[in-house]
Amino acid sequence: MANQAEHSRRSFLKRVVEFSYGIVGLLVGVPAIVTALAPVATRRKYTWIAVAKLTDLPDGQTTRVVIADKNPQGWYTVPREKVIFVKRNGNRFTVFSSTCSHLGCNVNWYPAISEFICPCHGGVYNADGKNIAGPPPHPLTKLQNRIKNNTLMVAVS
């Protein structure tokens, strides 16, 4: 009888410990899984910003444009200016971010040689934004754009 009582106490304590391990596993595992899957589940939100009237963008040229943007800083946003480059070929527009893919410096456009050059580390991009020299590992980022009411709009996140 004493042996049977001891056996039931052991099995009870064993189940309590196993249950505790399960609770701890859930408390650690669920937040880890949610954190890992959150970027997949959330969609990027884009804001469309007016860049310029189509008449202000010369055909066959790349134009430097400064746009007003909002930079989220925690629970408030800070206004900022962002430089982009707009390449126009007829009714086709390609919009490049001015951020170098190496360390995030702002590139400059040199129309005489048709290249974007990063002044920080000598990164060079061709007129299509493709990295052709220096340390940049990737081409310039192309931004989504559309035309609305004769105005070029750009999507910024």
Protein backbone atom coordinates (compact mmCIF):
# COMPACT_ATOMS: atom_id res chain seq x y z
CA MET A 1 0.00 0.00 0.00
CA ALA A 2 2.78 2.46 0.90
CA ASN A 3 4.58 1.50 -2.29
CA GLN A 4 1.46 2.21 -4.34
CA ALA A 5 1.00 5.66 -2.67
CA GLU A 6 4.64 6.50 -3.30
CA HIS A 7 4.26 5.42 -6.92
CA SER A 8 1.22 7.63 -7.45
CA ARG A 9 3.04 10.61 -5.83
CA ARG A 10 5.99 10.09 -8.16
CA SER A 11 3.81 9.88 -11.22
CA PHE A 12 1.90 12.97 -10.05
CA LEU A 13 5.12 14.97 -9.54
CA LYS A 14 6.47 13.70 -12.85
CA ARG A 15 3.36 14.99 -14.63
CA VAL A 16 3.56 18.34 -12.83
CA VAL A 17 7.18 18.76 -13.94
CA GLU A 18 6.34 17.73 -17.52
CA PHE A 19 3.42 20.18 -17.55
CA SER A 20 5.74 22.92 -16.26
CA TYR A 21 8.23 22.18 -19.04
CA GLY A 22 5.41 22.42 -21.55
CA ILE A 23 4.30 25.81 -20.19
CA VAL A 24 7.88 27.14 -20.28
CA GLY A 25 8.26 25.82 -23.83
CA LEU A 26 5.10 27.63 -24.91
CA LEU A 27 6.15 30.84 -23.16
CA VAL A 28 9.46 30.83 -25.03
CA GLY A 29 8.42 29.17 -28.29
CA VAL A 30 5.29 31.10 -29.23
CA PRO A 31 6.91 34.58 -29.11
CA ALA A 32 9.93 33.24 -31.00
CA ILE A 33 7.71 31.82 -33.75
CA VAL A 34 5.60 34.99 -33.93
CA THR A 35 8.76 37.13 -34.19
CA ALA A 36 10.19 34.92 -36.90
CA LEU A 37 7.00 34.89 -38.98
CA ALA A 38 5.92 38.52 -38.48
CA PRO A 39 7.81 39.91 -41.50
CA VAL A 40 6.17 37.31 -43.73
CA ALA A 41 2.68 38.09 -42.44
CA THR A 42 2.90 41.89 -42.53
CA ARG A 43 2.67 43.71 -45.81
CA ARG A 44 4.78 46.74 -46.49
CA LYS A 45 2.75 49.92 -46.52
CA TYR A 46 3.60 52.35 -49.27
CA THR A 47 2.77 56.02 -49.46
CA TRP A 48 2.50 57.58 -52.88
CA ILE A 49 4.26 60.93 -53.10
CA ALA A 50 4.00 63.41 -55.97
CA VAL A 51 7.44 63.86 -57.52
CA ALA A 52 7.02 66.29 -60.40
CA LYS A 53 4.79 67.31 -63.27
CA LEU A 54 5.62 65.38 -66.43
CA THR A 55 6.44 68.67 -68.18
CA ASP A 56 9.21 69.30 -65.61
CA LEU A 57 11.01 66.05 -66.49
CA PRO A 58 12.95 66.38 -69.77
CA ASP A 59 12.80 63.42 -72.14
CA GLY A 60 16.02 61.42 -72.52
CA GLN A 61 17.55 62.79 -69.32
CA THR A 62 18.04 61.79 -65.70
CA THR A 63 16.84 64.44 -63.28
CA ARG A 64 17.70 64.87 -59.58
CA VAL A 65 14.53 65.47 -57.56
CA VAL A 66 14.16 66.20 -53.85
CA ILE A 67 10.95 64.89 -52.29
CA ALA A 68 9.46 65.49 -48.86
CA ASP A 69 9.05 62.29 -46.88
CA LYS A 70 8.22 61.25 -43.31
CA ASN A 71 10.67 59.19 -41.27
CA PRO A 72 8.96 57.13 -38.54
CA GLN A 73 10.77 57.44 -35.21
CA GLY A 74 8.92 55.23 -32.75
CA TRP A 75 5.51 56.71 -32.09
CA TYR A 76 6.05 59.95 -34.03
CA THR A 77 7.32 60.89 -37.48
CA VAL A 78 10.00 63.36 -38.46
CA PRO A 79 9.83 65.19 -41.79
CA ARG A 80 12.84 64.61 -44.04
CA GLU A 81 13.96 65.33 -47.55
CA LYS A 82 14.92 62.44 -49.78
CA VAL A 83 16.85 62.63 -53.04
CA ILE A 84 15.77 60.46 -55.97
CA PHE A 85 16.73 60.35 -59.63
CA VAL A 86 14.14 60.15 -62.40
CA LYS A 87 15.18 58.79 -65.80
CA ARG A 88 12.70 59.53 -68.57
CA ASN A 89 12.57 57.79 -71.95
CA GLY A 90 9.41 58.93 -73.69
CA ASN A 91 6.53 57.86 -71.48
CA ARG A 92 8.67 55.35 -69.53
CA PHE A 93 10.03 56.47 -66.19
CA THR A 94 12.63 54.77 -64.03
CA VAL A 95 13.06 56.15 -60.53
CA PHE A 96 16.23 55.37 -58.59
CA SER A 97 16.91 55.82 -54.91
CA SER A 98 20.04 57.90 -54.30
CA THR A 99 21.19 55.52 -51.55
CA CYS A 100 24.37 53.60 -52.36
CA SER A 101 24.04 49.86 -51.74
CA HIS A 102 27.47 49.74 -50.07
CA LEU A 103 27.09 51.80 -46.89
CA GLY A 104 24.07 54.01 -47.55
CA CYS A 105 25.77 57.21 -48.73
CA ASN A 106 23.98 59.39 -51.30
CA VAL A 107 25.20 59.00 -54.87
CA ASN A 108 25.46 61.88 -57.35
CA TRP A 109 24.51 61.86 -61.04
CA TYR A 110 27.13 63.01 -63.55
CA PRO A 111 25.40 63.56 -66.91
CA ALA A 112 28.66 64.18 -68.81
CA ILE A 113 29.73 60.55 -68.24
CA SER A 114 26.21 59.10 -67.66
CA GLU A 115 27.13 57.56 -64.30
CA PHE A 116 26.08 57.69 -60.69
CA ILE A 117 29.11 57.99 -58.40
CA CYS A 118 29.23 57.55 -54.64
CA PRO A 119 31.58 60.15 -53.13
CA CYS A 120 32.27 58.11 -49.99
CA HIS A 121 33.97 54.97 -51.30
CA GLY A 122 34.09 55.40 -55.07
CA GLY A 123 31.15 53.21 -56.02
CA VAL A 124 30.09 53.66 -59.65
CA TYR A 125 26.73 52.84 -61.25
CA ASN A 126 25.79 53.13 -64.92
CA ALA A 127 22.78 55.09 -66.23
CA ASP A 128 20.53 52.07 -65.56
CA GLY A 129 21.59 51.93 -61.88
CA LYS A 130 23.72 48.80 -62.30
CA ASN A 131 26.84 48.69 -60.13
CA ILE A 132 29.90 48.66 -62.41
CA ALA A 133 32.84 49.58 -60.17
CA GLY A 134 33.87 49.93 -56.55
CA PRO A 135 32.50 48.23 -53.47
CA PRO A 136 28.68 48.42 -53.96
CA PRO A 137 27.31 44.86 -53.92
CA HIS A 138 23.95 45.63 -55.57
CA PRO A 139 22.43 48.01 -58.14
CA LEU A 140 20.63 51.16 -57.06
CA THR A 141 17.13 50.48 -55.78
CA LYS A 142 14.39 51.17 -58.31
CA LEU A 143 11.27 52.70 -56.81
CA GLN A 144 7.73 51.92 -57.91
CA ASN A 145 6.16 54.76 -59.85
CA ARG A 146 2.96 55.65 -61.63
CA ILE A 147 1.44 58.59 -63.43
CA LYS A 148 -1.62 60.26 -61.98
CA ASN A 149 -3.14 63.50 -63.29
CA ASN A 150 -0.05 64.28 -65.40
CA THR A 151 2.15 63.94 -62.30
CA LEU A 152 4.78 61.31 -61.60
CA MET A 153 4.11 59.56 -58.28
CA VAL A 154 6.60 57.43 -56.34
CA ALA A 155 5.91 54.77 -53.70
CA VAL A 156 7.95 55.18 -50.53
CA SER A 157 7.78 52.94 -47.48
